[in-house]
């Protein structure tokens, strides 16, 4: 007997459940880059920050909607450039998120990919992690009692972005 879809009762518009494939693929690529770099345990908050920052970079850099068809190696330079220390990555993310949100509203269709990207971005902005002070004076030496040097609380994206950038270099 053939299965006929009558729509998902949880979907207010009565259509099929939409799987956020673009976001899931971006997250998968980010995860693979970080695992290959072997920079930190996959269960750590630092790893999540790196994965989410990379996934956002990958997802938001896909301006033509062809994420599932990309070749990772051909995109590494673009992702490396977007995650570089001298770039205003957070401003770029905000602008791209606003544009995609406006497009989704104008189209009148919700985007599960964009919803997951928004959740990741909010976590990266609102979560603070205790991490080595990336702006500390070089050669300043550790403070007594601190084995790894000075630490500061920072938004998760400020730690995740350089980790993601390093993972791209190590790939």
C-alpha atoms as a PDB file:
ATOM      1  CA  UNK A   1       0.000   0.000   0.000  1.00  0.00           C
ATOM      2  CA  UNK A   2       1.354   3.385  -0.963  1.00  0.00           C
ATOM      3  CA  UNK A   3       1.845   5.950   1.798  1.00  0.00           C
ATOM      4  CA  UNK A   4       0.163   9.243   1.047  1.00  0.00           C
ATOM      5  CA  UNK A   5       1.200  12.224   3.045  1.00  0.00           C
ATOM      6  CA  UNK A   6      -1.669  14.178   4.512  1.00  0.00           C
ATOM      7  CA  UNK A   7       0.603  16.735   6.105  1.00  0.00           C
ATOM      8  CA  UNK A   8       1.955  17.094   9.575  1.00  0.00           C
ATOM      9  CA  UNK A   9      -0.616  18.062  12.180  1.00  0.00           C
ATOM     10  CA  UNK A  10       2.113  19.879  14.129  1.00  0.00           C
ATOM     11  CA  UNK A  11       2.713  22.196  11.173  1.00  0.00           C
ATOM     12  CA  UNK A  12       0.165  25.036  11.241  1.00  0.00           C
ATOM     13  CA  UNK A  13       0.269  25.363   7.462  1.00  0.00           C
ATOM     14  CA  UNK A  14      -0.569  21.686   6.982  1.00  0.00           C
ATOM     15  CA  UNK A  15       2.490  20.981   4.824  1.00  0.00           C
ATOM     16  CA  UNK A  16       5.282  18.500   5.116  1.00  0.00           C
ATOM     17  CA  UNK A  17       7.761  18.739   7.934  1.00  0.00           C
ATOM     18  CA  UNK A  18      10.778  20.624   6.594  1.00  0.00           C
ATOM     19  CA  UNK A  19      14.162  19.226   7.584  1.00  0.00           C
ATOM     20  CA  UNK A  20      16.831  21.907   8.134  1.00  0.00           C
ATOM     21  CA  UNK A  21      19.344  20.226   5.816  1.00  0.00           C
ATOM     22  CA  UNK A  22      21.463  23.319   5.088  1.00  0.00           C
ATOM     23  CA  UNK A  23      22.053  23.974   8.787  1.00  0.00           C
ATOM     24  CA  UNK A  24      22.643  20.307   9.585  1.00  0.00           C
ATOM     25  CA  UNK A  25      25.150  20.056   6.745  1.00  0.00           C
ATOM     26  CA  UNK A  26      26.962  23.228   7.902  1.00  0.00           C
ATOM     27  CA  UNK A  27      27.090  21.813  11.431  1.00  0.00           C
ATOM     28  CA  UNK A  28      28.419  18.498  10.111  1.00  0.00           C
ATOM     29  CA  UNK A  29      31.227  20.209   8.158  1.00  0.00           C
ATOM     30  CA  UNK A  30      32.134  22.321  11.202  1.00  0.00           C
ATOM     31  CA  UNK A  31      32.166  19.235  13.400  1.00  0.00           C
ATOM     32  CA  UNK A  32      34.450  17.377  10.981  1.00  0.00           C
ATOM     33  CA  UNK A  33      36.867  20.305  10.777  1.00  0.00           C
ATOM     34  CA  UNK A  34      37.094  20.533  14.564  1.00  0.00           C
ATOM     35  CA  UNK A  35      37.432  16.775  15.057  1.00  0.00           C
ATOM     36  CA  UNK A  36      40.201  16.638  12.458  1.00  0.00           C
ATOM     37  CA  UNK A  37      42.044  19.456  14.247  1.00  0.00           C
ATOM     38  CA  UNK A  38      41.738  17.588  17.557  1.00  0.00           C
ATOM     39  CA  UNK A  39      41.923  20.883  19.460  1.00  0.00           C
ATOM     40  CA  UNK A  40      39.685  20.023  22.418  1.00  0.00           C
ATOM     41  CA  UNK A  41      37.316  17.317  23.643  1.00  0.00           C
ATOM     42  CA  UNK A  42      34.065  17.211  21.635  1.00  0.00           C
ATOM     43  CA  UNK A  43      32.098  17.322  24.903  1.00  0.00           C
ATOM     44  CA  UNK A  44      33.478  20.712  25.999  1.00  0.00           C
ATOM     45  CA  UNK A  45      31.760  24.090  25.793  1.00  0.00           C
ATOM     46  CA  UNK A  46      34.788  25.365  23.891  1.00  0.00           C
ATOM     47  CA  UNK A  47      34.213  22.727  21.229  1.00  0.00           C
ATOM     48  CA  UNK A  48      30.560  23.721  20.951  1.00  0.00           C
ATOM     49  CA  UNK A  49      31.558  27.378  20.611  1.00  0.00           C
ATOM     50  CA  UNK A  50      33.978  26.491  17.814  1.00  0.00           C
ATOM     51  CA  UNK A  51      31.454  24.246  16.065  1.00  0.00           C
ATOM     52  CA  UNK A  52      28.660  26.808  16.249  1.00  0.00           C
ATOM     53  CA  UNK A  53      30.910  29.664  15.069  1.00  0.00           C
ATOM     54  CA  UNK A  54      32.141  27.573  12.145  1.00  0.00           C
ATOM     55  CA  UNK A  55      28.649  26.305  11.317  1.00  0.00           C
ATOM     56  CA  UNK A  56      27.340  29.877  11.242  1.00  0.00           C
ATOM     57  CA  UNK A  57      30.211  30.922   8.997  1.00  0.00           C
ATOM     58  CA  UNK A  58      29.564  28.022   6.633  1.00  0.00           C
ATOM     59  CA  UNK A  59      25.780  28.435   6.637  1.00  0.00           C
ATOM     60  CA  UNK A  60      25.786  32.223   6.210  1.00  0.00           C
ATOM     61  CA  UNK A  61      28.464  32.210   3.507  1.00  0.00           C
ATOM     62  CA  UNK A  62      26.201  30.054   1.324  1.00  0.00           C
ATOM     63  CA  UNK A  63      24.557  32.944  -0.513  1.00  0.00           C
ATOM     64  CA  UNK A  64      23.270  30.821  -3.406  1.00  0.00           C
ATOM     65  CA  UNK A  65      21.618  28.045  -1.415  1.00  0.00           C
ATOM     66  CA  UNK A  66      23.913  25.345  -2.729  1.00  0.00           C
ATOM     67  CA  UNK A  67      25.449  24.244   0.560  1.00  0.00           C
ATOM     68  CA  UNK A  68      24.826  20.541   0.101  1.00  0.00           C
ATOM     69  CA  UNK A  69      26.601  20.637  -3.252  1.00  0.00           C
ATOM     70  CA  UNK A  70      29.756  22.448  -2.176  1.00  0.00           C
ATOM     71  CA  UNK A  71      33.182  20.954  -2.066  1.00  0.00           C
ATOM     72  CA  UNK A  72      34.652  21.706   1.332  1.00  0.00           C
ATOM     73  CA  UNK A  73      38.211  22.143   0.080  1.00  0.00           C
ATOM     74  CA  UNK A  74      37.136  24.819  -2.415  1.00  0.00           C
ATOM     75  CA  UNK A  75      35.547  26.874   0.384  1.00  0.00           C
ATOM     76  CA  UNK A  76      38.331  26.715   2.977  1.00  0.00           C
ATOM     77  CA  UNK A  77      39.981  29.975   1.870  1.00  0.00           C
ATOM     78  CA  UNK A  78      36.678  31.859   2.072  1.00  0.00           C
ATOM     79  CA  UNK A  79      35.923  30.469   5.550  1.00  0.00           C
ATOM     80  CA  UNK A  80      39.492  31.170   6.688  1.00  0.00           C
ATOM     81  CA  UNK A  81      39.140  34.767   5.528  1.00  0.00           C
ATOM     82  CA  UNK A  82      35.763  35.228   7.247  1.00  0.00           C
ATOM     83  CA  UNK A  83      37.070  33.864  10.567  1.00  0.00           C
ATOM     84  CA  UNK A  84      40.363  35.794  10.543  1.00  0.00           C
ATOM     85  CA  UNK A  85      41.206  37.829  13.650  1.00  0.00           C
ATOM     86  CA  UNK A  86      41.103  41.185  11.866  1.00  0.00           C
ATOM     87  CA  UNK A  87      37.573  40.698  10.507  1.00  0.00           C
ATOM     88  CA  UNK A  88      34.377  41.991  12.116  1.00  0.00           C
ATOM     89  CA  UNK A  89      32.838  38.519  12.076  1.00  0.00           C
ATOM     90  CA  UNK A  90      30.081  39.272  14.581  1.00  0.00           C
ATOM     91  CA  UNK A  91      28.891  42.269  12.514  1.00  0.00           C
ATOM     92  CA  UNK A  92      28.907  40.123   9.379  1.00  0.00           C
ATOM     93  CA  UNK A  93      26.839  37.447  11.166  1.00  0.00           C
ATOM     94  CA  UNK A  94      24.296  40.019  12.394  1.00  0.00           C
ATOM     95  CA  UNK A  95      23.928  41.529   8.920  1.00  0.00           C
ATOM     96  CA  UNK A  96      23.541  38.160   7.195  1.00  0.00           C
ATOM     97  CA  UNK A  97      21.031  36.949   9.824  1.00  0.00           C
ATOM     98  CA  UNK A  98      18.973  40.127   9.371  1.00  0.00           C
ATOM     99  CA  UNK A  99      18.975  39.739   5.575  1.00  0.00           C
ATOM    100  CA  UNK A 100      17.967  36.084   5.736  1.00  0.00           C
ATOM    101  CA  UNK A 101      15.241  36.858   8.264  1.00  0.00           C
ATOM    102  CA  UNK A 102      13.870  39.645   6.061  1.00  0.00           C
ATOM    103  CA  UNK A 103      13.887  37.293   3.062  1.00  0.00           C
ATOM    104  CA  UNK A 104      12.038  34.585   5.022  1.00  0.00           C
ATOM    105  CA  UNK A 105       9.432  37.082   6.246  1.00  0.00           C
ATOM    106  CA  UNK A 106       8.970  38.486   2.734  1.00  0.00           C
ATOM    107  CA  UNK A 107       8.549  34.966   1.332  1.00  0.00           C
ATOM    108  CA  UNK A 108       6.060  34.142   4.080  1.00  0.00           C
ATOM    109  CA  UNK A 109       7.704  30.812   4.774  1.00  0.00           C
ATOM    110  CA  UNK A 110       9.454  29.885   7.996  1.00  0.00           C
ATOM    111  CA  UNK A 111      12.984  28.577   7.651  1.00  0.00           C
ATOM    112  CA  UNK A 112      13.964  25.810  10.064  1.00  0.00           C
ATOM    113  CA  UNK A 113      17.592  26.314   8.954  1.00  0.00           C
ATOM    114  CA  UNK A 114      17.454  29.961   9.939  1.00  0.00           C
ATOM    115  CA  UNK A 115      15.782  29.107  13.245  1.00  0.00           C
ATOM    116  CA  UNK A 116      18.640  26.761  14.177  1.00  0.00           C
ATOM    117  CA  UNK A 117      21.232  29.309  13.027  1.00  0.00           C
ATOM    118  CA  UNK A 118      19.507  31.925  15.182  1.00  0.00           C
ATOM    119  CA  UNK A 119      19.592  29.609  18.216  1.00  0.00           C
ATOM    120  CA  UNK A 120      23.302  28.993  17.681  1.00  0.00           C
ATOM    121  CA  UNK A 121      23.992  32.726  17.300  1.00  0.00           C
ATOM    122  CA  UNK A 122      22.054  33.592  20.456  1.00  0.00           C
ATOM    123  CA  UNK A 123      23.964  30.913  22.400  1.00  0.00           C
ATOM    124  CA  UNK A 124      27.279  32.252  21.093  1.00  0.00           C
ATOM    125  CA  UNK A 125      26.364  35.833  22.034  1.00  0.00           C
ATOM    126  CA  UNK A 126      24.706  35.206  25.394  1.00  0.00           C
ATOM    127  CA  UNK A 127      26.934  32.465  26.823  1.00  0.00           C
ATOM    128  CA  UNK A 128      30.151  33.513  28.486  1.00  0.00           C
ATOM    129  CA  UNK A 129      33.080  31.156  28.875  1.00  0.00           C
ATOM    130  CA  UNK A 130      36.143  31.508  31.089  1.00  0.00           C
ATOM    131  CA  UNK A 131      39.068  31.375  28.705  1.00  0.00           C
ATOM    132  CA  UNK A 132      42.642  32.535  28.284  1.00  0.00           C
ATOM    133  CA  UNK A 133      42.784  36.275  27.694  1.00  0.00           C
ATOM    134  CA  UNK A 134      43.380  36.491  23.961  1.00  0.00           C
ATOM    135  CA  UNK A 135      44.170  40.211  24.307  1.00  0.00           C
ATOM    136  CA  UNK A 136      46.744  39.816  27.093  1.00  0.00           C
ATOM    137  CA  UNK A 137      50.125  41.421  26.617  1.00  0.00           C
ATOM    138  CA  UNK A 138      52.456  38.857  25.016  1.00  0.00           C
ATOM    139  CA  UNK A 139      55.165  37.689  27.372  1.00  0.00           C
ATOM    140  CA  UNK A 140      53.301  39.018  30.389  1.00  0.00           C
ATOM    141  CA  UNK A 141      53.680  35.702  32.156  1.00  0.00           C
ATOM    142  CA  UNK A 142      51.130  33.938  34.287  1.00  0.00           C
ATOM    143  CA  UNK A 143      49.673  35.496  37.380  1.00  0.00           C
ATOM    144  CA  UNK A 144      50.657  33.564  40.535  1.00  0.00           C
ATOM    145  CA  UNK A 145      48.149  30.763  41.004  1.00  0.00           C
ATOM    146  CA  UNK A 146      47.152  30.730  37.344  1.00  0.00           C
ATOM    147  CA  UNK A 147      49.025  28.047  35.462  1.00  0.00           C
ATOM    148  CA  UNK A 148      47.962  29.046  31.966  1.00  0.00           C
ATOM    149  CA  UNK A 149      48.091  32.811  32.284  1.00  0.00           C
ATOM    150  CA  UNK A 150      45.314  35.342  32.756  1.00  0.00           C
ATOM    151  CA  UNK A 151      41.738  34.295  32.068  1.00  0.00           C
ATOM    152  CA  UNK A 152      38.681  36.392  31.334  1.00  0.00           C
ATOM    153  CA  UNK A 153      34.978  35.813  30.810  1.00  0.00           C
ATOM    154  CA  UNK A 154      34.076  36.333  27.173  1.00  0.00           C
ATOM    155  CA  UNK A 155      31.165  35.671  24.834  1.00  0.00           C
ATOM    156  CA  UNK A 156      31.389  32.144  23.461  1.00  0.00           C
ATOM    157  CA  UNK A 157      31.841  33.402  19.897  1.00  0.00           C
ATOM    158  CA  UNK A 158      35.082  35.209  20.883  1.00  0.00           C
ATOM    159  CA  UNK A 159      36.567  31.858  21.882  1.00  0.00           C
ATOM    160  CA  UNK A 160      34.858  29.727  19.235  1.00  0.00           C
ATOM    161  CA  UNK A 161      35.882  31.870  16.298  1.00  0.00           C
ATOM    162  CA  UNK A 162      39.683  31.525  16.721  1.00  0.00           C
ATOM    163  CA  UNK A 163      39.244  27.813  17.453  1.00  0.00           C
ATOM    164  CA  UNK A 164      37.270  27.417  14.251  1.00  0.00           C
ATOM    165  CA  UNK A 165      39.838  29.436  12.331  1.00  0.00           C
ATOM    166  CA  UNK A 166      42.641  27.244  13.655  1.00  0.00           C
ATOM    167  CA  UNK A 167      40.690  24.084  12.780  1.00  0.00           C
ATOM    168  CA  UNK A 168      40.397  25.314   9.178  1.00  0.00           C
ATOM    169  CA  UNK A 169      44.172  25.831   9.064  1.00  0.00           C
ATOM    170  CA  UNK A 170      44.807  22.350  10.428  1.00  0.00           C
ATOM    171  CA  UNK A 171      42.492  20.654   7.916  1.00  0.00           C
END
